[in-house]
Structures are given as C-alpha cells and as structure tokens.
C-alpha cells in the first residue's frame, strides 16, 4: 500500500495547491516516483484518483479537527476550538481553499465528487449541530446549517482578502444572531 499512499498524498498536495484540472497524472506519477502502470494499477483513471483524494482529505480533516475539539471540555470551548482550528488553517501555508468546493466547481457533472463533497459538508454540519446542542443554543439544526454555510463563505473570503478582521467580524455577527457568547478568536501570527 505504500505506493498507493505515495500517489494519494502526492495527488492531494498537488490538487490542493493547483486545482484538479491543472494537474495531470504524469505530474503526479513523476512526483510520487511511480510508473504510470503502478498509478493505473491503484487508480483506474484520474476521476477515481480525485474521488479517493477527496475521501483522504475528509479523513485527515476530520481527524485533525476532532482532535483539536477533544482537547476542550466546556461546550463553548469546543466551539471556540472549532473556529480557531479553521482560522489557523485559513492562514497557514497549506491553505488553498476548500478541496471539496473546488472539486464540485471543476467537475460539475461528476456525481461521485459531488457525493463525497456533500458527505463532508454534512459531516461538518452534524458536528456543528452536536456542538451547538451541547452549548444549549436554540434551534441547533438550523444554526448548524447557518454556521456551515458561513464557514464556506469565510473560506472564499479569506482566499480573496486574507483578512482576519473580516473573519472575526463575520463570526461575531453570527454569534450575536444565535445568542452565542463572543468567544476569543486567535489571530494568526
């Protein structure tokens, strides 16, 4: 499985940095240091590789975010950990936007990509709903949807403006709208 993992992690990095259409299988093959035969042995075509990369991105994203949230005990601290994890990601060298949003934008007619992306966003919404329920926010289901959609907007906004202050203002307005205390957002260094 090492070769398969080499291909997947190389493709994940390249797709994240450059988009899906801009990266060909030859580049992935070269940077993963595998033969074309090995690449196609593990992935029948580029579409299947993109689908598996999105699944991998979901797993790594989920594990990292859940790990960060688990460090907090108080429900409000868990919500704070959730947003601060995202802020650190937004302003990291690894941030190139959301791979799920990019995939659905670049592949409008591919049901597999759409399904994986929908599953990821639904997982995120469900996580938010659980966090909001624990914090006794009223209407946690609709608030979770609002938070998730706002988060997607923040991803796009950070890509355009690179402004912590814009994210902070939007987050505080959202907290005010759902009667959630304004938690401390960590300004990136």
Protein backbone atom coordinates (compact mmCIF):
# COMPACT_ATOMS: atom_id res chain seq x y z
CA UNK A 1 0.00 0.00 0.00
CA UNK A 2 2.99 2.31 0.28
CA UNK A 3 2.94 3.13 -3.45
CA UNK A 4 -0.81 3.76 -3.32
CA UNK A 5 -0.33 6.09 -0.34
CA UNK A 6 2.56 7.86 -2.09
CA UNK A 7 0.30 8.51 -5.07
CA UNK A 8 -2.64 9.63 -2.91
CA UNK A 9 -0.65 12.04 -0.73
CA UNK A 10 1.19 13.47 -3.74
CA UNK A 11 -2.08 13.97 -5.60
CA UNK A 12 -3.67 15.53 -2.50
CA UNK A 13 -0.84 18.06 -2.21
CA UNK A 14 -0.81 18.88 -5.91
CA UNK A 15 -4.60 19.15 -6.27
CA UNK A 16 -4.79 21.30 -3.15
CA UNK A 17 -2.09 23.68 -4.38
CA UNK A 18 -3.04 23.81 -8.07
CA UNK A 19 -6.58 22.56 -8.61
CA UNK A 20 -7.68 19.37 -10.28
CA UNK A 21 -7.63 20.20 -13.99
CA UNK A 22 -4.22 21.91 -13.78
CA UNK A 23 -2.52 18.74 -12.53
CA UNK A 24 -2.09 15.82 -14.90
CA UNK A 25 -1.46 12.21 -14.00
CA UNK A 26 2.03 12.41 -15.47
CA UNK A 27 3.00 15.07 -12.92
CA UNK A 28 1.51 13.02 -10.09
CA UNK A 29 3.35 9.95 -11.35
CA UNK A 30 6.66 11.83 -11.54
CA UNK A 31 6.36 13.49 -8.13
CA UNK A 32 5.17 10.26 -6.47
CA UNK A 33 8.12 8.44 -8.09
CA UNK A 34 5.98 5.65 -9.53
CA UNK A 35 5.43 4.28 -13.01
CA UNK A 36 2.30 5.02 -14.99
CA UNK A 37 1.46 1.31 -14.76
CA UNK A 38 1.65 1.48 -10.95
CA UNK A 39 -0.54 4.58 -10.86
CA UNK A 40 -3.21 2.96 -13.03
CA UNK A 41 -2.96 -0.30 -11.09
CA UNK A 42 -4.18 1.57 -8.00
CA UNK A 43 -6.48 4.10 -9.71
CA UNK A 44 -8.32 3.20 -12.91
CA UNK A 45 -8.42 6.82 -14.06
CA UNK A 46 -7.97 10.40 -12.88
CA UNK A 47 -11.60 10.66 -11.78
CA UNK A 48 -11.15 7.71 -9.43
CA UNK A 49 -7.93 9.26 -8.11
CA UNK A 50 -9.71 12.58 -7.43
CA UNK A 51 -12.51 10.72 -5.64
CA UNK A 52 -10.04 8.86 -3.43
CA UNK A 53 -8.09 12.06 -2.72
CA UNK A 54 -11.30 13.73 -1.55
CA UNK A 55 -12.01 10.77 0.72
CA UNK A 56 -8.49 11.03 2.14
CA UNK A 57 -8.87 14.78 2.62
CA UNK A 58 -12.08 14.17 4.55
CA UNK A 59 -10.37 11.66 6.85
CA UNK A 60 -7.35 13.89 7.56
CA UNK A 61 -9.55 16.97 8.03
CA UNK A 62 -11.93 15.09 10.34
CA UNK A 63 -9.16 13.58 12.48
CA UNK A 64 -7.35 16.89 12.90
CA UNK A 65 -10.49 18.90 13.74
CA UNK A 66 -11.90 16.27 16.11
CA UNK A 67 -8.54 16.03 17.87
CA UNK A 68 -8.49 19.79 18.42
CA UNK A 69 -12.07 19.87 19.70
CA UNK A 70 -11.47 16.93 22.05
CA UNK A 71 -8.86 18.97 23.96
CA UNK A 72 -11.63 21.23 25.29
CA UNK A 73 -14.13 20.17 27.94
CA UNK A 74 -16.64 23.03 28.12
CA UNK A 75 -19.15 23.12 25.20
CA UNK A 76 -18.35 26.77 24.44
CA UNK A 77 -14.63 25.99 24.47
CA UNK A 78 -15.29 23.20 21.97
CA UNK A 79 -17.00 25.68 19.63
CA UNK A 80 -14.09 28.05 20.14
CA UNK A 81 -11.64 25.25 19.30
CA UNK A 82 -13.68 24.52 16.17
CA UNK A 83 -13.45 28.07 14.79
CA UNK A 84 -9.86 28.63 15.87
CA UNK A 85 -8.81 25.41 14.14
CA UNK A 86 -10.33 26.83 10.96
CA UNK A 87 -8.66 30.21 11.43
CA UNK A 88 -5.25 28.54 11.83
CA UNK A 89 -5.93 26.59 8.63
CA UNK A 90 -7.12 29.71 6.76
CA UNK A 91 -3.85 31.49 7.45
CA UNK A 92 -1.50 28.52 7.07
CA UNK A 93 0.83 27.87 4.15
CA UNK A 94 -1.30 24.79 3.35
CA UNK A 95 -4.48 26.81 2.77
CA UNK A 96 -5.52 26.95 -0.87
CA UNK A 97 -9.28 26.95 -0.35
CA UNK A 98 -11.62 24.03 0.19
CA UNK A 99 -10.80 20.98 -1.90
CA UNK A 100 -14.46 19.92 -1.85
CA UNK A 101 -15.72 23.26 -3.12
CA UNK A 102 -13.02 23.27 -5.80
CA UNK A 103 -13.89 19.72 -6.89
CA UNK A 104 -17.56 20.48 -7.35
CA UNK A 105 -16.63 23.68 -9.17
CA UNK A 106 -14.24 21.97 -11.55
CA UNK A 107 -16.31 18.82 -12.12
CA UNK A 108 -19.93 19.96 -12.41
CA UNK A 109 -21.25 16.69 -13.81
CA UNK A 110 -19.42 14.08 -11.74
CA UNK A 111 -21.82 12.56 -9.22
CA UNK A 112 -19.04 10.78 -7.28
CA UNK A 113 -17.24 14.04 -6.47
CA UNK A 114 -20.49 15.72 -5.55
CA UNK A 115 -21.45 12.85 -3.25
CA UNK A 116 -18.09 12.86 -1.42
CA UNK A 117 -18.25 16.66 -1.09
CA UNK A 118 -21.82 16.54 0.19
CA UNK A 119 -20.87 13.85 2.71
CA UNK A 120 -18.02 16.01 4.00
CA UNK A 121 -20.18 19.11 4.36
CA UNK A 122 -22.97 17.07 6.03
CA UNK A 123 -20.45 15.65 8.49
CA UNK A 124 -19.30 19.19 9.29
CA UNK A 125 -22.89 20.39 9.76
CA UNK A 126 -23.66 17.43 12.04
CA UNK A 127 -20.56 18.14 14.11
CA UNK A 128 -21.62 21.77 14.46
CA UNK A 129 -25.13 20.71 15.44
CA UNK A 130 -23.74 18.48 18.19
CA UNK A 131 -21.52 21.29 19.46
CA UNK A 132 -24.38 23.80 19.42
CA UNK A 133 -26.73 21.37 21.19
CA UNK A 134 -24.16 20.85 23.93
CA UNK A 135 -23.89 24.64 24.30
CA UNK A 136 -27.69 24.90 24.60
CA UNK A 137 -28.09 27.07 21.52
CA UNK A 138 -31.72 27.21 20.44
CA UNK A 139 -32.54 25.63 17.08
CA UNK A 140 -29.17 23.88 16.77
CA UNK A 141 -30.03 22.19 13.48
CA UNK A 142 -30.80 25.39 11.57
CA UNK A 143 -27.96 27.23 13.35
CA UNK A 144 -25.52 24.47 12.33
CA UNK A 145 -26.56 24.90 8.69
CA UNK A 146 -26.07 28.65 9.00
CA UNK A 147 -22.65 28.18 10.61
CA UNK A 148 -21.54 25.72 7.90
CA UNK A 149 -22.67 27.98 5.07
CA UNK A 150 -20.96 30.94 6.77
CA UNK A 151 -17.81 28.86 7.14
CA UNK A 152 -17.83 28.12 3.40
CA UNK A 153 -18.18 31.86 2.79
CA UNK A 154 -15.26 32.51 5.12
CA UNK A 155 -13.13 30.09 3.08
CA UNK A 156 -13.83 32.05 -0.08
CA UNK A 157 -13.46 35.41 1.68
CA UNK A 158 -10.07 34.52 3.16
CA UNK A 159 -8.92 33.40 -0.29
CA UNK A 160 -9.76 36.84 -1.65
CA UNK A 161 -8.96 39.24 1.21
CA UNK A 162 -6.60 37.34 3.58
CA UNK A 163 -8.14 39.34 6.41
CA UNK A 164 -8.50 38.02 9.95
CA UNK A 165 -10.59 41.08 10.85
CA UNK A 166 -13.22 40.24 8.21
CA UNK A 167 -13.48 36.68 9.52
CA UNK A 168 -13.67 37.89 13.11
CA UNK A 169 -16.43 40.39 12.27
CA UNK A 170 -18.48 37.76 10.43
CA UNK A 171 -18.02 35.24 13.25
CA UNK A 172 -19.11 37.75 15.89
CA UNK A 173 -22.18 38.74 13.86
CA UNK A 174 -23.09 35.08 13.54
CA UNK A 175 -22.63 34.51 17.28
CA UNK A 176 -24.79 37.54 18.05
CA UNK A 177 -27.50 36.29 15.68
CA UNK A 178 -27.78 32.95 17.51
CA UNK A 179 -27.19 34.34 21.03
CA UNK A 180 -23.85 32.61 21.41
CA UNK A 181 -21.24 34.39 23.54
CA UNK A 182 -18.43 36.01 21.58
CA UNK A 183 -15.56 33.63 22.09
CA UNK A 184 -11.92 34.59 21.71
CA UNK A 185 -10.63 34.15 18.20
CA UNK A 186 -6.91 33.58 17.92
CA UNK A 187 -5.31 35.99 15.50
CA UNK A 188 -2.82 34.13 13.30
CA UNK A 189 0.83 35.08 13.58
